[in-house]
Amino acid sequence: MNAQLARALFVLAVLGVVAYCSARSFFRGRTAWRLIQLLGAGFLGVVVLAHICESLALFPRMQWGAHRTVGHYLDLISGILGVTLLAVGYLAPRMIFGGDGRRRNPGRMRPPEGFD
């Protein structure tokens, strides 16, 4: 087993935990933010699978690792979307609603503190 495959399998295990937590969170309370977070975990899964395919030399026509090829752009775009969506899905509700991202009193909107 080469080093790249070992790293990819380790990241796959870590990503499995992240994807599990995102899916569990989404199915407990279906919100758009949790769906965005789950989509981000899915795109990061594509990145990990691309690196596994590259290290095992699967699908050689994709030319994994070579610049300006389908494999490179699939990996790059999936990585950018994955990190962005995962971060936005996790951080946005915490910044909007504060705390753990859940509304405390969804029936009544209050103005922010210090707002007159």
Protein backbone atom coordinates (compact mmCIF):
# COMPACT_ATOMS: atom_id res chain seq x y z
CA MET A 1 0.00 0.00 0.00
CA ASN A 2 1.47 3.34 -1.00
CA ALA A 3 1.43 6.44 1.19
CA GLN A 4 -1.20 8.26 -0.86
CA LEU A 5 -3.65 5.37 -0.52
CA ALA A 6 -3.02 5.19 3.24
CA ARG A 7 -3.71 8.91 3.62
CA ALA A 8 -6.83 8.67 1.46
CA LEU A 9 -8.19 5.77 3.51
CA PHE A 10 -7.51 7.65 6.76
CA VAL A 11 -9.31 10.73 5.44
CA LEU A 12 -12.13 8.46 4.25
CA ALA A 13 -12.58 7.19 7.81
CA VAL A 14 -12.62 10.73 9.21
CA LEU A 15 -14.99 11.88 6.48
CA GLY A 16 -17.26 8.94 7.26
CA VAL A 17 -17.70 10.30 10.78
CA VAL A 18 -18.37 13.81 9.45
CA ALA A 19 -20.88 12.50 6.91
CA TYR A 20 -22.59 10.38 9.55
CA CYS A 21 -22.93 13.36 11.90
CA SER A 22 -24.20 15.57 9.06
CA ALA A 23 -26.76 12.98 7.96
CA ARG A 24 -27.90 12.35 11.52
CA SER A 25 -28.30 16.08 12.08
CA PHE A 26 -30.23 16.47 8.83
CA PHE A 27 -32.67 13.66 9.55
CA ARG A 28 -33.30 14.92 13.08
CA GLY A 29 -34.35 18.37 11.91
CA ARG A 30 -34.58 18.99 8.20
CA THR A 31 -33.37 22.49 7.48
CA ALA A 32 -31.70 24.02 4.46
CA TRP A 33 -28.50 24.63 6.45
CA ARG A 34 -28.21 20.98 7.39
CA LEU A 35 -28.84 19.95 3.78
CA ILE A 36 -26.04 22.29 2.64
CA GLN A 37 -23.75 20.75 5.25
CA LEU A 38 -24.64 17.25 4.08
CA LEU A 39 -23.99 18.20 0.44
CA GLY A 40 -20.59 19.56 1.46
CA ALA A 41 -19.72 16.24 3.08
CA GLY A 42 -20.81 14.49 -0.11
CA PHE A 43 -18.55 16.64 -2.28
CA LEU A 44 -15.63 15.95 0.05
CA GLY A 45 -16.43 12.26 -0.37
CA VAL A 46 -15.95 12.71 -4.12
CA VAL A 47 -12.51 14.20 -3.44
CA VAL A 48 -11.50 11.26 -1.28
CA LEU A 49 -12.77 8.75 -3.83
CA ALA A 50 -10.84 10.59 -6.57
CA HIS A 51 -7.65 10.25 -4.54
CA ILE A 52 -8.31 6.56 -3.93
CA CYS A 53 -8.87 6.04 -7.67
CA GLU A 54 -5.67 7.95 -8.41
CA SER A 55 -3.56 5.87 -6.03
CA LEU A 56 -4.99 2.58 -7.31
CA ALA A 57 -4.69 3.71 -10.96
CA LEU A 58 -8.39 3.19 -11.59
CA PHE A 59 -9.95 4.88 -14.63
CA PRO A 60 -6.63 5.86 -16.29
CA ARG A 61 -8.44 7.91 -18.96
CA MET A 62 -9.36 10.43 -16.26
CA GLN A 63 -5.62 11.19 -15.96
CA TRP A 64 -5.77 11.70 -12.20
CA GLY A 65 -3.22 14.20 -10.92
CA ALA A 66 -2.41 15.70 -14.34
CA HIS A 67 -3.24 19.37 -14.81
CA ARG A 68 -6.06 20.47 -17.12
CA THR A 69 -7.75 17.08 -17.24
CA VAL A 70 -11.21 15.89 -16.25
CA GLY A 71 -9.86 14.17 -13.14
CA HIS A 72 -8.06 17.29 -11.98
CA TYR A 73 -11.10 19.52 -12.39
CA LEU A 74 -13.42 16.98 -10.79
CA ASP A 75 -11.11 16.86 -7.77
CA LEU A 76 -10.62 20.63 -7.64
CA ILE A 77 -14.26 21.67 -8.01
CA SER A 78 -15.47 18.99 -5.61
CA GLY A 79 -12.91 20.11 -3.04
CA ILE A 80 -13.86 23.77 -3.31
CA LEU A 81 -17.59 23.04 -3.14
CA GLY A 82 -17.15 20.53 -0.32
CA VAL A 83 -15.18 22.80 1.97
CA THR A 84 -17.38 25.82 1.21
CA LEU A 85 -20.73 24.06 1.65
CA LEU A 86 -19.66 22.18 4.77
CA ALA A 87 -18.40 25.37 6.39
CA VAL A 88 -21.44 27.44 5.37
CA GLY A 89 -23.86 24.73 6.46
CA TYR A 90 -22.20 24.47 9.85
CA LEU A 91 -21.35 28.10 10.62
CA ALA A 92 -24.21 30.11 9.08
CA PRO A 93 -26.98 29.02 11.48
CA ARG A 94 -24.66 29.57 14.44
CA MET A 95 -23.90 33.07 13.26
CA ILE A 96 -27.54 33.87 12.46
CA PHE A 97 -29.27 32.28 15.44
CA GLY A 98 -26.35 32.03 17.86
CA GLY A 99 -25.34 29.13 20.09
CA ASP A 100 -26.01 25.73 18.56
CA GLY A 101 -27.88 27.14 15.53
CA ARG A 102 -31.43 26.35 16.65
CA ARG A 103 -34.14 28.94 17.03
CA ARG A 104 -35.24 29.34 20.61
CA ASN A 105 -38.65 30.82 19.92
CA PRO A 106 -39.55 30.23 16.27
CA GLY A 107 -43.02 31.76 16.59
CA ARG A 108 -41.88 35.22 17.57
CA MET A 109 -39.07 37.29 16.14
CA ARG A 110 -37.24 39.66 18.45
CA PRO A 111 -34.98 42.50 17.33
CA PRO A 112 -31.29 42.09 18.14
CA GLU A 113 -29.97 43.47 21.40
CA GLY A 114 -29.10 47.16 21.22
CA PHE A 115 -31.49 47.71 18.33
CA ASP A 116 -33.94 50.55 18.99
